[in-house]
Amino acid sequence: MKKKDIKNMNKEDREKKIEELKLELIKSKANPAKSGGSKVKEIKKFIARILTINTDEKEVLKKH
């Protein structure tokens, strides 16, 4: 998922995506033999990317 794709999502969609990713993260941690560590790292990056964009948008709204 690219940064511009995340920016095009509305806030509710981003929140839903975060919840989906968190569930996927839990499943990946439960079965490390199937998914491996790279899958966990990738999911964490996606979550961090979405949270960063949410924070950036909040800061822009505060300035205006």
N, C-alpha and C. Protein backbone atom coordinates (compact mmCIF):
# COMPACT_ATOMS: atom_id res chain seq x y z
N MET A 1 0.84 -1.17 0.00
CA MET A 1 0.00 0.00 0.00
C MET A 1 0.89 1.24 0.00
N LYS A 2 0.62 2.12 -0.93
CA LYS A 2 1.43 3.32 -1.09
C LYS A 2 0.87 4.47 -0.25
N LYS A 3 1.71 5.46 -0.02
CA LYS A 3 1.32 6.62 0.77
C LYS A 3 0.15 7.36 0.14
N LYS A 4 0.17 7.51 -1.18
CA LYS A 4 -0.91 8.24 -1.85
C LYS A 4 -2.22 7.48 -1.77
N ASP A 5 -2.16 6.15 -1.74
CA ASP A 5 -3.38 5.34 -1.59
C ASP A 5 -4.00 5.57 -0.22
N ILE A 6 -3.16 5.67 0.79
CA ILE A 6 -3.65 5.90 2.15
C ILE A 6 -4.24 7.30 2.26
N LYS A 7 -3.60 8.28 1.65
CA LYS A 7 -4.10 9.65 1.71
C LYS A 7 -5.46 9.78 1.03
N ASN A 8 -5.71 8.97 0.01
CA ASN A 8 -6.98 9.02 -0.70
C ASN A 8 -8.12 8.39 0.09
N MET A 9 -7.79 7.62 1.12
CA MET A 9 -8.81 7.00 1.95
C MET A 9 -9.37 8.03 2.93
N ASN A 10 -10.64 7.89 3.29
CA ASN A 10 -11.17 8.78 4.32
C ASN A 10 -10.81 8.21 5.70
N LYS A 11 -11.10 8.97 6.73
CA LYS A 11 -10.66 8.60 8.07
C LYS A 11 -11.26 7.27 8.52
N GLU A 12 -12.54 7.04 8.23
CA GLU A 12 -13.18 5.79 8.64
C GLU A 12 -12.54 4.59 7.96
N ASP A 13 -12.21 4.73 6.68
CA ASP A 13 -11.56 3.64 5.95
C ASP A 13 -10.18 3.33 6.54
N ARG A 14 -9.46 4.38 6.90
CA ARG A 14 -8.14 4.16 7.51
C ARG A 14 -8.25 3.46 8.85
N GLU A 15 -9.26 3.84 9.65
CA GLU A 15 -9.46 3.19 10.94
C GLU A 15 -9.81 1.71 10.76
N LYS A 16 -10.65 1.41 9.77
CA LYS A 16 -11.00 0.01 9.48
C LYS A 16 -9.76 -0.76 9.04
N LYS A 17 -8.94 -0.14 8.21
CA LYS A 17 -7.73 -0.80 7.72
C LYS A 17 -6.77 -1.09 8.87
N ILE A 18 -6.66 -0.15 9.80
CA ILE A 18 -5.79 -0.37 10.97
C ILE A 18 -6.28 -1.57 11.77
N GLU A 19 -7.59 -1.66 11.98
CA GLU A 19 -8.14 -2.79 12.73
C GLU A 19 -7.87 -4.11 12.01
N GLU A 20 -8.04 -4.12 10.68
CA GLU A 20 -7.75 -5.33 9.91
C GLU A 20 -6.28 -5.72 10.04
N LEU A 21 -5.42 -4.73 9.94
CA LEU A 21 -3.99 -5.00 10.02
C LEU A 21 -3.59 -5.51 11.41
N LYS A 22 -4.21 -4.96 12.45
CA LYS A 22 -3.91 -5.42 13.81
C LYS A 22 -4.31 -6.88 13.99
N LEU A 23 -5.47 -7.25 13.44
CA LEU A 23 -5.89 -8.66 13.52
C LEU A 23 -4.93 -9.55 12.75
N GLU A 24 -4.52 -9.09 11.59
CA GLU A 24 -3.57 -9.86 10.78
C GLU A 24 -2.23 -9.99 11.51
N LEU A 25 -1.83 -8.94 12.21
CA LEU A 25 -0.58 -8.97 12.98
C LEU A 25 -0.66 -10.01 14.10
N ILE A 26 -1.79 -10.05 14.78
CA ILE A 26 -1.98 -11.03 15.85
C ILE A 26 -1.90 -12.45 15.29
N LYS A 27 -2.56 -12.67 14.16
CA LYS A 27 -2.54 -14.00 13.53
C LYS A 27 -1.13 -14.37 13.10
N SER A 28 -0.39 -13.40 12.57
CA SER A 28 0.98 -13.68 12.11
C SER A 28 1.90 -14.01 13.28
N LYS A 29 1.69 -13.33 14.40
CA LYS A 29 2.51 -13.61 15.58
C LYS A 29 2.16 -14.97 16.19
N ALA A 30 0.90 -15.38 16.04
CA ALA A 30 0.48 -16.67 16.59
C ALA A 30 1.09 -17.83 15.81
N ASN A 31 1.26 -17.66 14.51
CA ASN A 31 1.82 -18.72 13.66
C ASN A 31 3.08 -18.23 12.96
N PRO A 32 4.16 -18.04 13.69
CA PRO A 32 5.36 -17.50 13.06
C PRO A 32 5.98 -18.43 12.02
N ALA A 33 5.74 -19.70 12.13
CA ALA A 33 6.33 -20.64 11.17
C ALA A 33 5.71 -20.47 9.78
N LYS A 34 4.43 -20.13 9.73
CA LYS A 34 3.76 -19.97 8.45
C LYS A 34 4.15 -18.68 7.76
N SER A 35 4.08 -17.57 8.49
CA SER A 35 4.26 -16.27 7.85
C SER A 35 5.69 -15.74 7.91
N GLY A 36 6.40 -16.06 8.94
CA GLY A 36 7.76 -15.57 9.07
C GLY A 36 7.80 -14.16 9.64
N GLY A 37 8.99 -13.73 9.99
CA GLY A 37 9.17 -12.41 10.60
C GLY A 37 8.98 -11.27 9.63
N SER A 38 9.20 -11.51 8.36
CA SER A 38 9.08 -10.43 7.38
C SER A 38 7.64 -9.96 7.25
N LYS A 39 6.68 -10.86 7.41
CA LYS A 39 5.26 -10.50 7.32
C LYS A 39 4.89 -9.59 8.49
N VAL A 40 5.36 -9.89 9.67
CA VAL A 40 5.09 -9.08 10.86
C VAL A 40 5.67 -7.68 10.66
N LYS A 41 6.89 -7.61 10.17
CA LYS A 41 7.55 -6.33 9.94
C LYS A 41 6.78 -5.49 8.92
N GLU A 42 6.30 -6.13 7.87
CA GLU A 42 5.56 -5.44 6.83
C GLU A 42 4.24 -4.88 7.37
N ILE A 43 3.54 -5.65 8.16
CA ILE A 43 2.27 -5.21 8.74
C ILE A 43 2.49 -4.02 9.66
N LYS A 44 3.54 -4.09 10.48
CA LYS A 44 3.86 -2.98 11.38
C LYS A 44 4.16 -1.70 10.60
N LYS A 45 4.83 -1.82 9.46
CA LYS A 45 5.13 -0.65 8.63
C LYS A 45 3.85 -0.03 8.09
N PHE A 46 2.90 -0.87 7.65
CA PHE A 46 1.63 -0.35 7.14
C PHE A 46 0.88 0.40 8.22
N ILE A 47 0.83 -0.19 9.41
CA ILE A 47 0.13 0.46 10.52
C ILE A 47 0.79 1.80 10.85
N ALA A 48 2.11 1.82 10.91
CA ALA A 48 2.84 3.05 11.22
C ALA A 48 2.61 4.11 10.14
N ARG A 49 2.57 3.69 8.89
CA ARG A 49 2.34 4.61 7.79
C ARG A 49 0.96 5.28 7.90
N ILE A 50 -0.05 4.50 8.21
CA ILE A 50 -1.41 5.03 8.36
C ILE A 50 -1.49 5.98 9.55
N LEU A 51 -0.90 5.58 10.67
CA LEU A 51 -0.93 6.43 11.86
C LEU A 51 -0.19 7.75 11.63
N THR A 52 0.91 7.70 10.89
CA THR A 52 1.66 8.91 10.59
C THR A 52 0.84 9.87 9.75
N ILE A 53 0.15 9.36 8.76
CA ILE A 53 -0.70 10.21 7.91
C ILE A 53 -1.84 10.80 8.73
N ASN A 54 -2.43 10.01 9.63
CA ASN A 54 -3.48 10.54 10.50
C ASN A 54 -2.96 11.68 11.35
N THR A 55 -1.77 11.52 11.91
CA THR A 55 -1.17 12.55 12.74
C THR A 55 -0.88 13.81 11.93
N ASP A 56 -0.35 13.64 10.73
CA ASP A 56 -0.05 14.78 9.86
C ASP A 56 -1.31 15.56 9.53
N GLU A 57 -2.40 14.88 9.28
CA GLU A 57 -3.65 15.55 8.94
C GLU A 57 -4.20 16.32 10.15
N LYS A 58 -4.05 15.76 11.34
CA LYS A 58 -4.49 16.46 12.55
C LYS A 58 -3.71 17.75 12.75
N GLU A 59 -2.40 17.70 12.50
CA GLU A 59 -1.56 18.88 12.68
C GLU A 59 -1.93 19.96 11.66
N VAL A 60 -2.25 19.58 10.46
CA VAL A 60 -2.64 20.55 9.43
C VAL A 60 -3.95 21.22 9.81
N LEU A 61 -4.89 20.44 10.35
CA LEU A 61 -6.17 21.00 10.76
C LEU A 61 -6.02 21.96 11.94
N LYS A 62 -5.08 21.68 12.84
CA LYS A 62 -4.84 22.55 13.98
C LYS A 62 -4.29 23.91 13.56
N LYS A 63 -3.48 23.90 12.52
CA LYS A 63 -2.85 25.15 12.06
C LYS A 63 -3.85 26.08 11.41
N HIS A 64 -4.93 25.52 10.87
CA HIS A 64 -5.90 26.36 10.16
C HIS A 64 -6.98 26.80 11.07
